[in-house]
All heavy atoms as atom14 arrays in JSON, in Angstrom:
{
  "sequence": "MILTNFLDRLKQEYYTLDGLSQENYYARLSGLFVLLELDGER",
  "atom14_mask": [
    [1, 1, 1, 1, 1, 1, 1, 1, 0, 0, 0, 0, 0, 0],
    [1, 1, 1, 1, 1, 1, 1, 1, 0, 0, 0, 0, 0, 0],
    [1, 1, 1, 1, 1, 1, 1, 1, 0, 0, 0, 0, 0, 0],
    [1, 1, 1, 1, 1, 1, 1, 0, 0, 0, 0, 0, 0, 0],
    [1, 1, 1, 1, 1, 1, 1, 1, 0, 0, 0, 0, 0, 0],
    [1, 1, 1, 1, 1, 1, 1, 1, 1, 1, 1, 0, 0, 0],
    [1, 1, 1, 1, 1, 1, 1, 1, 0, 0, 0, 0, 0, 0],
    [1, 1, 1, 1, 1, 1, 1, 1, 0, 0, 0, 0, 0, 0],
    [1, 1, 1, 1, 1, 1, 1, 1, 1, 1, 1, 0, 0, 0],
    [1, 1, 1, 1, 1, 1, 1, 1, 0, 0, 0, 0, 0, 0],
    [1, 1, 1, 1, 1, 1, 1, 1, 1, 0, 0, 0, 0, 0],
    [1, 1, 1, 1, 1, 1, 1, 1, 1, 0, 0, 0, 0, 0],
    [1, 1, 1, 1, 1, 1, 1, 1, 1, 0, 0, 0, 0, 0],
    [1, 1, 1, 1, 1, 1, 1, 1, 1, 1, 1, 1, 0, 0],
    [1, 1, 1, 1, 1, 1, 1, 1, 1, 1, 1, 1, 0, 0],
    [1, 1, 1, 1, 1, 1, 1, 0, 0, 0, 0, 0, 0, 0],
    [1, 1, 1, 1, 1, 1, 1, 1, 0, 0, 0, 0, 0, 0],
    [1, 1, 1, 1, 1, 1, 1, 1, 0, 0, 0, 0, 0, 0],
    [1, 1, 1, 1, 0, 0, 0, 0, 0, 0, 0, 0, 0, 0],
    [1, 1, 1, 1, 1, 1, 1, 1, 0, 0, 0, 0, 0, 0],
    [1, 1, 1, 1, 1, 1, 0, 0, 0, 0, 0, 0, 0, 0],
    [1, 1, 1, 1, 1, 1, 1, 1, 1, 0, 0, 0, 0, 0],
    [1, 1, 1, 1, 1, 1, 1, 1, 1, 0, 0, 0, 0, 0],
    [1, 1, 1, 1, 1, 1, 1, 1, 0, 0, 0, 0, 0, 0],
    [1, 1, 1, 1, 1, 1, 1, 1, 1, 1, 1, 1, 0, 0],
    [1, 1, 1, 1, 1, 1, 1, 1, 1, 1, 1, 1, 0, 0],
    [1, 1, 1, 1, 1, 0, 0, 0, 0, 0, 0, 0, 0, 0],
    [1, 1, 1, 1, 1, 1, 1, 1, 1, 1, 1, 0, 0, 0],
    [1, 1, 1, 1, 1, 1, 1, 1, 0, 0, 0, 0, 0, 0],
    [1, 1, 1, 1, 1, 1, 0, 0, 0, 0, 0, 0, 0, 0],
    [1, 1, 1, 1, 0, 0, 0, 0, 0, 0, 0, 0, 0, 0],
    [1, 1, 1, 1, 1, 1, 1, 1, 0, 0, 0, 0, 0, 0],
    [1, 1, 1, 1, 1, 1, 1, 1, 1, 1, 1, 0, 0, 0],
    [1, 1, 1, 1, 1, 1, 1, 0, 0, 0, 0, 0, 0, 0],
    [1, 1, 1, 1, 1, 1, 1, 1, 0, 0, 0, 0, 0, 0],
    [1, 1, 1, 1, 1, 1, 1, 1, 0, 0, 0, 0, 0, 0],
    [1, 1, 1, 1, 1, 1, 1, 1, 1, 0, 0, 0, 0, 0],
    [1, 1, 1, 1, 1, 1, 1, 1, 0, 0, 0, 0, 0, 0],
    [1, 1, 1, 1, 1, 1, 1, 1, 0, 0, 0, 0, 0, 0],
    [1, 1, 1, 1, 0, 0, 0, 0, 0, 0, 0, 0, 0, 0],
    [1, 1, 1, 1, 1, 1, 1, 1, 1, 0, 0, 0, 0, 0],
    [1, 1, 1, 1, 1, 1, 1, 1, 1, 1, 1, 0, 0, 0]
  ],
  "atom14_positions": [
    [[-19.46, 83.73, 3.05], [-18.85, 82.44, 3.36], [-17.79, 82.16, 2.32], [-18.0, 82.38, 1.13], [-19.91, 81.36, 3.36], [-19.39, 79.99, 3.66], [-20.67, 78.71, 3.81], [-21.49, 79.19, 5.31], [0.0, 0.0, 0.0], [0.0, 0.0, 0.0], [0.0, 0.0, 0.0], [0.0, 0.0, 0.0], [0.0, 0.0, 0.0], [0.0, 0.0, 0.0]],
    [[-16.65, 81.67, 2.78], [-15.59, 81.3, 1.84], [-15.77, 79.87, 1.39], [-16.5, 79.08, 2.0], [-14.2, 81.55, 2.45], [-13.97, 80.66, 3.66], [-13.97, 83.02, 2.75], [-12.56, 80.72, 4.22], [0.0, 0.0, 0.0], [0.0, 0.0, 0.0], [0.0, 0.0, 0.0], [0.0, 0.0, 0.0], [0.0, 0.0, 0.0], [0.0, 0.0, 0.0]],
    [[-15.11, 79.52, 0.3], [-15.32, 78.2, -0.31], [-15.03, 77.06, 0.65], [-15.79, 76.09, 0.67], [-14.46, 78.1, -1.57], [-14.66, 76.83, -2.41], [-16.11, 76.66, -2.85], [-13.75, 76.82, -3.6], [0.0, 0.0, 0.0], [0.0, 0.0, 0.0], [0.0, 0.0, 0.0], [0.0, 0.0, 0.0], [0.0, 0.0, 0.0], [0.0, 0.0, 0.0]],
    [[-13.96, 77.14, 1.44], [-13.66, 76.02, 2.33], [-14.72, 75.86, 3.4], [-15.1, 74.72, 3.73], [-12.26, 76.21, 3.02], [-12.23, 77.46, 3.67], [-11.16, 76.1, 2.01], [0.0, 0.0, 0.0], [0.0, 0.0, 0.0], [0.0, 0.0, 0.0], [0.0, 0.0, 0.0], [0.0, 0.0, 0.0], [0.0, 0.0, 0.0], [0.0, 0.0, 0.0]],
    [[-15.28, 76.94, 3.91], [-16.38, 76.84, 4.87], [-17.63, 76.27, 4.22], [-18.37, 75.48, 4.84], [-16.68, 78.2, 5.47], [-15.6, 78.72, 6.37], [-14.64, 78.0, 6.69], [-15.69, 79.97, 6.78], [0.0, 0.0, 0.0], [0.0, 0.0, 0.0], [0.0, 0.0, 0.0], [0.0, 0.0, 0.0], [0.0, 0.0, 0.0], [0.0, 0.0, 0.0]],
    [[-17.89, 76.69, 3.0], [-19.05, 76.18, 2.26], [-18.91, 74.68, 2.06], [-19.86, 73.92, 2.3], [-19.14, 76.9, 0.91], [-20.29, 76.48, 0.05], [-21.59, 76.8, 0.38], [-20.06, 75.79, -1.12], [-22.66, 76.41, -0.43], [-21.1, 75.4, -1.95], [-22.41, 75.7, -1.6], [0.0, 0.0, 0.0], [0.0, 0.0, 0.0], [0.0, 0.0, 0.0]],
    [[-17.75, 74.25, 1.65], [-17.48, 72.83, 1.43], [-17.62, 72.03, 2.74], [-18.21, 70.96, 2.77], [-16.13, 72.63, 0.81], [-15.76, 71.25, 0.29], [-16.79, 70.74, -0.71], [-14.38, 71.26, -0.34], [0.0, 0.0, 0.0], [0.0, 0.0, 0.0], [0.0, 0.0, 0.0], [0.0, 0.0, 0.0], [0.0, 0.0, 0.0], [0.0, 0.0, 0.0]],
    [[-17.08, 72.57, 3.81], [-17.21, 71.92, 5.13], [-18.69, 71.79, 5.53], [-19.11, 70.76, 6.07], [-16.46, 72.69, 6.2], [-14.95, 72.56, 6.09], [-14.48, 71.63, 5.38], [-14.25, 73.38, 6.68], [0.0, 0.0, 0.0], [0.0, 0.0, 0.0], [0.0, 0.0, 0.0], [0.0, 0.0, 0.0], [0.0, 0.0, 0.0], [0.0, 0.0, 0.0]],
    [[-19.46, 72.83, 5.27], [-20.89, 72.79, 5.62], [-21.64, 71.74, 4.78], [-22.47, 71.0, 5.29], [-21.49, 74.16, 5.43], [-22.97, 74.24, 5.62], [-23.39, 74.17, 7.08], [-24.82, 74.09, 7.22], [-25.65, 75.12, 7.21], [-25.2, 76.35, 7.11], [-26.95, 74.93, 7.33], [0.0, 0.0, 0.0], [0.0, 0.0, 0.0], [0.0, 0.0, 0.0]],
    [[-21.28, 71.63, 3.5], [-21.9, 70.64, 2.64], [-21.59, 69.23, 3.14], [-22.46, 68.37, 3.18], [-21.43, 70.78, 1.19], [-21.85, 72.04, 0.45], [-21.27, 72.04, -0.96], [-23.36, 72.22, 0.43], [0.0, 0.0, 0.0], [0.0, 0.0, 0.0], [0.0, 0.0, 0.0], [0.0, 0.0, 0.0], [0.0, 0.0, 0.0], [0.0, 0.0, 0.0]],
    [[-20.34, 69.03, 3.55], [-19.94, 67.71, 4.07], [-20.69, 67.4, 5.36], [-21.13, 66.26, 5.57], [-18.42, 67.67, 4.3], [-17.64, 67.64, 3.02], [-16.14, 67.64, 3.3], [-15.34, 67.64, 2.03], [-13.89, 67.65, 2.3], [0.0, 0.0, 0.0], [0.0, 0.0, 0.0], [0.0, 0.0, 0.0], [0.0, 0.0, 0.0], [0.0, 0.0, 0.0]],
    [[-20.81, 68.4, 6.23], [-21.57, 68.18, 7.47], [-23.01, 67.79, 7.15], [-23.56, 66.87, 7.76], [-21.52, 69.44, 8.31], [-22.35, 69.35, 9.59], [-22.49, 70.66, 10.3], [-22.04, 71.69, 9.83], [-23.09, 70.65, 11.45], [0.0, 0.0, 0.0], [0.0, 0.0, 0.0], [0.0, 0.0, 0.0], [0.0, 0.0, 0.0], [0.0, 0.0, 0.0]],
    [[-23.62, 68.51, 6.25], [-25.0, 68.19, 5.87], [-25.09, 66.8, 5.29], [-26.02, 66.04, 5.59], [-25.55, 69.22, 4.88], [-25.73, 70.6, 5.42], [-26.82, 70.71, 6.46], [-27.71, 69.84, 6.51], [-26.79, 71.68, 7.23], [0.0, 0.0, 0.0], [0.0, 0.0, 0.0], [0.0, 0.0, 0.0], [0.0, 0.0, 0.0], [0.0, 0.0, 0.0]],
    [[-24.13, 66.43, 4.44], [-24.12, 65.11, 3.83], [-24.08, 64.0, 4.89], [-24.83, 63.04, 4.84], [-22.93, 64.98, 2.87], [-22.79, 63.61, 2.27], [-23.52, 63.26, 1.16], [-21.95, 62.64, 2.83], [-23.42, 61.98, 0.59], [-21.82, 61.38, 2.29], [-22.57, 61.06, 1.16], [-22.47, 59.81, 0.63], [0.0, 0.0, 0.0], [0.0, 0.0, 0.0]],
    [[-23.17, 64.16, 5.85], [-22.98, 63.1, 6.84], [-24.08, 63.05, 7.9], [-24.24, 62.03, 8.58], [-21.6, 63.23, 7.52], [-20.49, 62.88, 6.57], [-19.54, 63.81, 6.17], [-20.39, 61.57, 6.06], [-18.52, 63.48, 5.28], [-19.39, 61.24, 5.17], [-18.46, 62.18, 4.78], [-17.47, 61.86, 3.91], [0.0, 0.0, 0.0], [0.0, 0.0, 0.0]],
    [[-24.83, 64.13, 8.06], [-25.91, 64.12, 9.07], [-27.29, 64.0, 8.45], [-28.27, 63.97, 9.18], [-25.83, 65.41, 9.93], [-25.99, 66.55, 9.1], [-24.53, 65.48, 10.7], [0.0, 0.0, 0.0], [0.0, 0.0, 0.0], [0.0, 0.0, 0.0], [0.0, 0.0, 0.0], [0.0, 0.0, 0.0], [0.0, 0.0, 0.0], [0.0, 0.0, 0.0]],
    [[-27.36, 63.86, 7.16], [-28.66, 63.81, 6.46], [-29.51, 62.62, 6.88], [-30.72, 62.72, 6.95], [-28.43, 63.8, 4.95], [-29.6, 64.22, 4.08], [-30.0, 65.66, 4.38], [-29.25, 64.09, 2.63], [0.0, 0.0, 0.0], [0.0, 0.0, 0.0], [0.0, 0.0, 0.0], [0.0, 0.0, 0.0], [0.0, 0.0, 0.0], [0.0, 0.0, 0.0]],
    [[-28.85, 61.51, 7.2], [-29.63, 60.34, 7.61], [-30.35, 60.53, 8.93], [-31.26, 59.8, 9.24], [-28.69, 59.11, 7.7], [-28.22, 58.66, 6.34], [-28.98, 58.83, 5.35], [-27.1, 58.13, 6.23], [0.0, 0.0, 0.0], [0.0, 0.0, 0.0], [0.0, 0.0, 0.0], [0.0, 0.0, 0.0], [0.0, 0.0, 0.0], [0.0, 0.0, 0.0]],
    [[-29.94, 61.54, 9.68], [-30.6, 61.85, 10.95], [-31.87, 62.64, 10.83], [-32.49, 62.98, 11.85], [0.0, 0.0, 0.0], [0.0, 0.0, 0.0], [0.0, 0.0, 0.0], [0.0, 0.0, 0.0], [0.0, 0.0, 0.0], [0.0, 0.0, 0.0], [0.0, 0.0, 0.0], [0.0, 0.0, 0.0], [0.0, 0.0, 0.0], [0.0, 0.0, 0.0]],
    [[-32.26, 62.98, 9.61], [-33.51, 63.74, 9.44], [-34.7, 62.88, 9.87], [-34.74, 61.68, 9.6], [-33.71, 64.13, 7.99], [-32.79, 65.2, 7.41], [-33.16, 65.47, 5.96], [-32.83, 66.46, 8.22], [0.0, 0.0, 0.0], [0.0, 0.0, 0.0], [0.0, 0.0, 0.0], [0.0, 0.0, 0.0], [0.0, 0.0, 0.0], [0.0, 0.0, 0.0]],
    [[-35.62, 63.52, 10.52], [-36.83, 62.83, 10.97], [-38.05, 63.63, 10.53], [-37.95, 64.74, 10.02], [-36.82, 62.71, 12.49], [-36.95, 64.0, 13.09], [0.0, 0.0, 0.0], [0.0, 0.0, 0.0], [0.0, 0.0, 0.0], [0.0, 0.0, 0.0], [0.0, 0.0, 0.0], [0.0, 0.0, 0.0], [0.0, 0.0, 0.0], [0.0, 0.0, 0.0]],
    [[-39.2, 63.06, 10.76], [-40.45, 63.74, 10.41], [-40.57, 65.07, 11.16], [-41.21, 65.98, 10.69], [-41.65, 62.85, 10.77], [-41.81, 61.62, 9.93], [-42.12, 61.92, 8.47], [-41.38, 61.5, 7.59], [-43.17, 62.63, 8.2], [0.0, 0.0, 0.0], [0.0, 0.0, 0.0], [0.0, 0.0, 0.0], [0.0, 0.0, 0.0], [0.0, 0.0, 0.0]],
    [[-39.92, 65.16, 12.31], [-40.04, 66.38, 13.14], [-39.08, 67.48, 12.71], [-39.34, 68.64, 12.94], [-39.78, 66.04, 14.61], [-40.84, 65.18, 15.26], [-40.76, 63.7, 14.86], [-39.63, 63.21, 14.63], [-41.79, 63.04, 14.76], [0.0, 0.0, 0.0], [0.0, 0.0, 0.0], [0.0, 0.0, 0.0], [0.0, 0.0, 0.0], [0.0, 0.0, 0.0]],
    [[-37.91, 67.13, 12.14], [-36.92, 68.16, 11.88], [-36.52, 68.39, 10.43], [-35.75, 69.27, 10.13], [-35.65, 67.88, 12.7], [-34.87, 66.68, 12.18], [-35.2, 66.05, 11.19], [-33.8, 66.34, 12.89], [0.0, 0.0, 0.0], [0.0, 0.0, 0.0], [0.0, 0.0, 0.0], [0.0, 0.0, 0.0], [0.0, 0.0, 0.0], [0.0, 0.0, 0.0]],
    [[-37.06, 67.58, 9.53], [-36.56, 67.66, 8.13], [-36.81, 69.0, 7.47], [-35.98, 69.49, 6.71], [-37.13, 66.51, 7.29], [-38.59, 66.71, 6.87], [-38.9, 67.43, 5.73], [-39.62, 66.2, 7.62], [-40.22, 67.62, 5.35], [-40.94, 66.36, 7.25], [-41.24, 67.09, 6.11], [-42.51, 67.28, 5.77], [0.0, 0.0, 0.0], [0.0, 0.0, 0.0]],
    [[-37.97, 69.58, 7.7], [-38.33, 70.78, 6.96], [-37.35, 71.91, 7.29], [-36.84, 72.58, 6.37], [-39.76, 71.19, 7.23], [-40.19, 72.31, 6.3], [-40.63, 72.0, 5.01], [-40.16, 73.63, 6.67], [-41.01, 73.0, 4.12], [-40.55, 74.63, 5.79], [-40.97, 74.31, 4.53], [-41.33, 75.31, 3.66], [0.0, 0.0, 0.0], [0.0, 0.0, 0.0]],
    [[-37.09, 72.14, 8.54], [-36.19, 73.23, 8.93], [-34.77, 72.96, 8.43], [-34.11, 73.88, 7.92], [-36.18, 73.4, 10.45], [0.0, 0.0, 0.0], [0.0, 0.0, 0.0], [0.0, 0.0, 0.0], [0.0, 0.0, 0.0], [0.0, 0.0, 0.0], [0.0, 0.0, 0.0], [0.0, 0.0, 0.0], [0.0, 0.0, 0.0], [0.0, 0.0, 0.0]],
    [[-34.29, 71.75, 8.57], [-32.93, 71.42, 8.13], [-32.78, 71.56, 6.62], [-31.82, 72.14, 6.14], [-32.57, 69.97, 8.52], [-32.28, 69.73, 9.99], [-30.83, 69.89, 10.37], [-29.87, 69.26, 9.48], [-29.52, 67.98, 9.5], [-30.04, 67.16, 10.39], [-28.62, 67.52, 8.65], [0.0, 0.0, 0.0], [0.0, 0.0, 0.0], [0.0, 0.0, 0.0]],
    [[-33.73, 70.99, 5.86], [-33.6, 71.07, 4.41], [-33.82, 72.49, 3.9], [-33.14, 72.91, 2.97], [-34.58, 70.1, 3.74], [-34.22, 68.62, 3.88], [-35.3, 67.75, 3.24], [-32.86, 68.3, 3.29], [0.0, 0.0, 0.0], [0.0, 0.0, 0.0], [0.0, 0.0, 0.0], [0.0, 0.0, 0.0], [0.0, 0.0, 0.0], [0.0, 0.0, 0.0]],
    [[-34.72, 73.21, 4.51], [-34.93, 74.61, 4.1], [-33.66, 75.41, 4.29], [-33.28, 76.2, 3.42], [-36.07, 75.24, 4.93], [-37.29, 74.64, 4.62], [0.0, 0.0, 0.0], [0.0, 0.0, 0.0], [0.0, 0.0, 0.0], [0.0, 0.0, 0.0], [0.0, 0.0, 0.0], [0.0, 0.0, 0.0], [0.0, 0.0, 0.0], [0.0, 0.0, 0.0]],
    [[-32.98, 75.2, 5.42], [-31.72, 75.89, 5.68], [-30.66, 75.52, 4.66], [-29.91, 76.38, 4.19], [0.0, 0.0, 0.0], [0.0, 0.0, 0.0], [0.0, 0.0, 0.0], [0.0, 0.0, 0.0], [0.0, 0.0, 0.0], [0.0, 0.0, 0.0], [0.0, 0.0, 0.0], [0.0, 0.0, 0.0], [0.0, 0.0, 0.0], [0.0, 0.0, 0.0]],
    [[-30.6, 74.24, 4.32], [-29.63, 73.79, 3.33], [-29.92, 74.42, 1.98], [-29.01, 74.89, 1.28], [-29.67, 72.25, 3.22], [-28.83, 71.65, 2.1], [-27.35, 71.98, 2.25], [-29.05, 70.15, 2.04], [0.0, 0.0, 0.0], [0.0, 0.0, 0.0], [0.0, 0.0, 0.0], [0.0, 0.0, 0.0], [0.0, 0.0, 0.0], [0.0, 0.0, 0.0]],
    [[-31.18, 74.47, 1.57], [-31.53, 75.02, 0.29], [-31.23, 76.54, 0.21], [-30.82, 77.05, -0.81], [-32.98, 74.74, -0.06], [-33.24, 73.3, -0.35], [-34.38, 72.67, 0.13], [-32.37, 72.54, -1.11], [-34.62, 71.33, -0.14], [-32.62, 71.19, -1.38], [-33.74, 70.61, -0.88], [0.0, 0.0, 0.0], [0.0, 0.0, 0.0], [0.0, 0.0, 0.0]],
    [[-31.41, 77.24, 1.35], [-31.06, 78.67, 1.39], [-29.55, 78.82, 1.24], [-29.07, 79.68, 0.5], [-31.57, 79.33, 2.7], [-30.97, 80.72, 2.89], [-33.08, 79.41, 2.7], [0.0, 0.0, 0.0], [0.0, 0.0, 0.0], [0.0, 0.0, 0.0], [0.0, 0.0, 0.0], [0.0, 0.0, 0.0], [0.0, 0.0, 0.0], [0.0, 0.0, 0.0]],
    [[-28.78, 78.0, 1.93], [-27.32, 78.03, 1.82], [-26.9, 77.81, 0.36], [-26.05, 78.53, -0.16], [-26.71, 76.94, 2.7], [-25.22, 76.7, 2.55], [-24.44, 77.83, 3.29], [-24.82, 75.35, 3.07], [0.0, 0.0, 0.0], [0.0, 0.0, 0.0], [0.0, 0.0, 0.0], [0.0, 0.0, 0.0], [0.0, 0.0, 0.0], [0.0, 0.0, 0.0]],
    [[-27.49, 76.81, -0.28], [-27.14, 76.53, -1.68], [-27.53, 77.66, -2.59], [-26.78, 78.03, -3.53], [-27.82, 75.23, -2.12], [-27.27, 73.95, -1.46], [-28.19, 72.78, -1.76], [-25.86, 73.66, -1.95], [0.0, 0.0, 0.0], [0.0, 0.0, 0.0], [0.0, 0.0, 0.0], [0.0, 0.0, 0.0], [0.0, 0.0, 0.0], [0.0, 0.0, 0.0]],
    [[-28.69, 78.25, -2.35], [-29.16, 79.34, -3.21], [-28.3, 80.57, -3.05], [-27.9, 81.19, -4.05], [-30.62, 79.64, -2.9], [-31.19, 80.71, -3.8], [-32.66, 81.01, -3.51], [-33.31, 80.24, -2.8], [-33.13, 82.03, -4.03], [0.0, 0.0, 0.0], [0.0, 0.0, 0.0], [0.0, 0.0, 0.0], [0.0, 0.0, 0.0], [0.0, 0.0, 0.0]],
    [[-28.02, 80.97, -1.84], [-27.31, 82.21, -1.63], [-25.79, 82.04, -1.77], [-25.18, 82.62, -2.67], [-27.63, 82.78, -0.24], [-29.1, 83.12, -0.02], [-29.32, 83.64, 1.4], [-29.6, 84.11, -1.03], [0.0, 0.0, 0.0], [0.0, 0.0, 0.0], [0.0, 0.0, 0.0], [0.0, 0.0, 0.0], [0.0, 0.0, 0.0], [0.0, 0.0, 0.0]],
    [[-25.2, 81.25, -0.92], [-23.73, 81.1, -0.97], [-23.29, 80.25, -2.15], [-22.25, 80.52, -2.75], [-23.21, 80.49, 0.35], [-23.32, 81.47, 1.5], [-23.06, 82.66, 1.27], [-23.64, 81.05, 2.62], [0.0, 0.0, 0.0], [0.0, 0.0, 0.0], [0.0, 0.0, 0.0], [0.0, 0.0, 0.0], [0.0, 0.0, 0.0], [0.0, 0.0, 0.0]],
    [[-24.06, 79.24, -2.48], [-23.7, 78.4, -3.62], [-23.68, 79.19, -4.91], [-22.74, 79.08, -5.69], [0.0, 0.0, 0.0], [0.0, 0.0, 0.0], [0.0, 0.0, 0.0], [0.0, 0.0, 0.0], [0.0, 0.0, 0.0], [0.0, 0.0, 0.0], [0.0, 0.0, 0.0], [0.0, 0.0, 0.0], [0.0, 0.0, 0.0], [0.0, 0.0, 0.0]],
    [[-24.7, 79.95, -5.14], [-24.75, 80.77, -6.37], [-23.61, 81.79, -6.41], [-22.97, 81.96, -7.44], [-26.09, 81.5, -6.48], [-27.29, 80.6, -6.72], [-27.36, 80.07, -8.14], [-26.69, 80.62, -9.04], [-28.11, 79.09, -8.35], [0.0, 0.0, 0.0], [0.0, 0.0, 0.0], [0.0, 0.0, 0.0], [0.0, 0.0, 0.0], [0.0, 0.0, 0.0]],
    [[-23.4, 82.45, -5.28], [-22.34, 83.47, -5.24], [-20.96, 82.85, -5.47], [-20.16, 83.32, -6.28], [-22.36, 84.21, -3.89], [-21.32, 85.3, -3.79], [-21.35, 85.98, -2.42], [-21.2, 85.03, -1.33], [-20.05, 84.47, -0.95], [-18.93, 84.76, -1.59], [-20.0, 83.64, 0.08], [0.0, 0.0, 0.0], [0.0, 0.0, 0.0], [0.0, 0.0, 0.0]]
  ]
}
């Protein structure tokens, strides 16, 4: 992933974070944390 795509994804996550619910939070946050760990670190 290139930096602009990474930044766009972070912004998307930021703006949609309020939509997390008891049913979907774990999958969404887990995916975000994997993105941060892999692409963020790189």
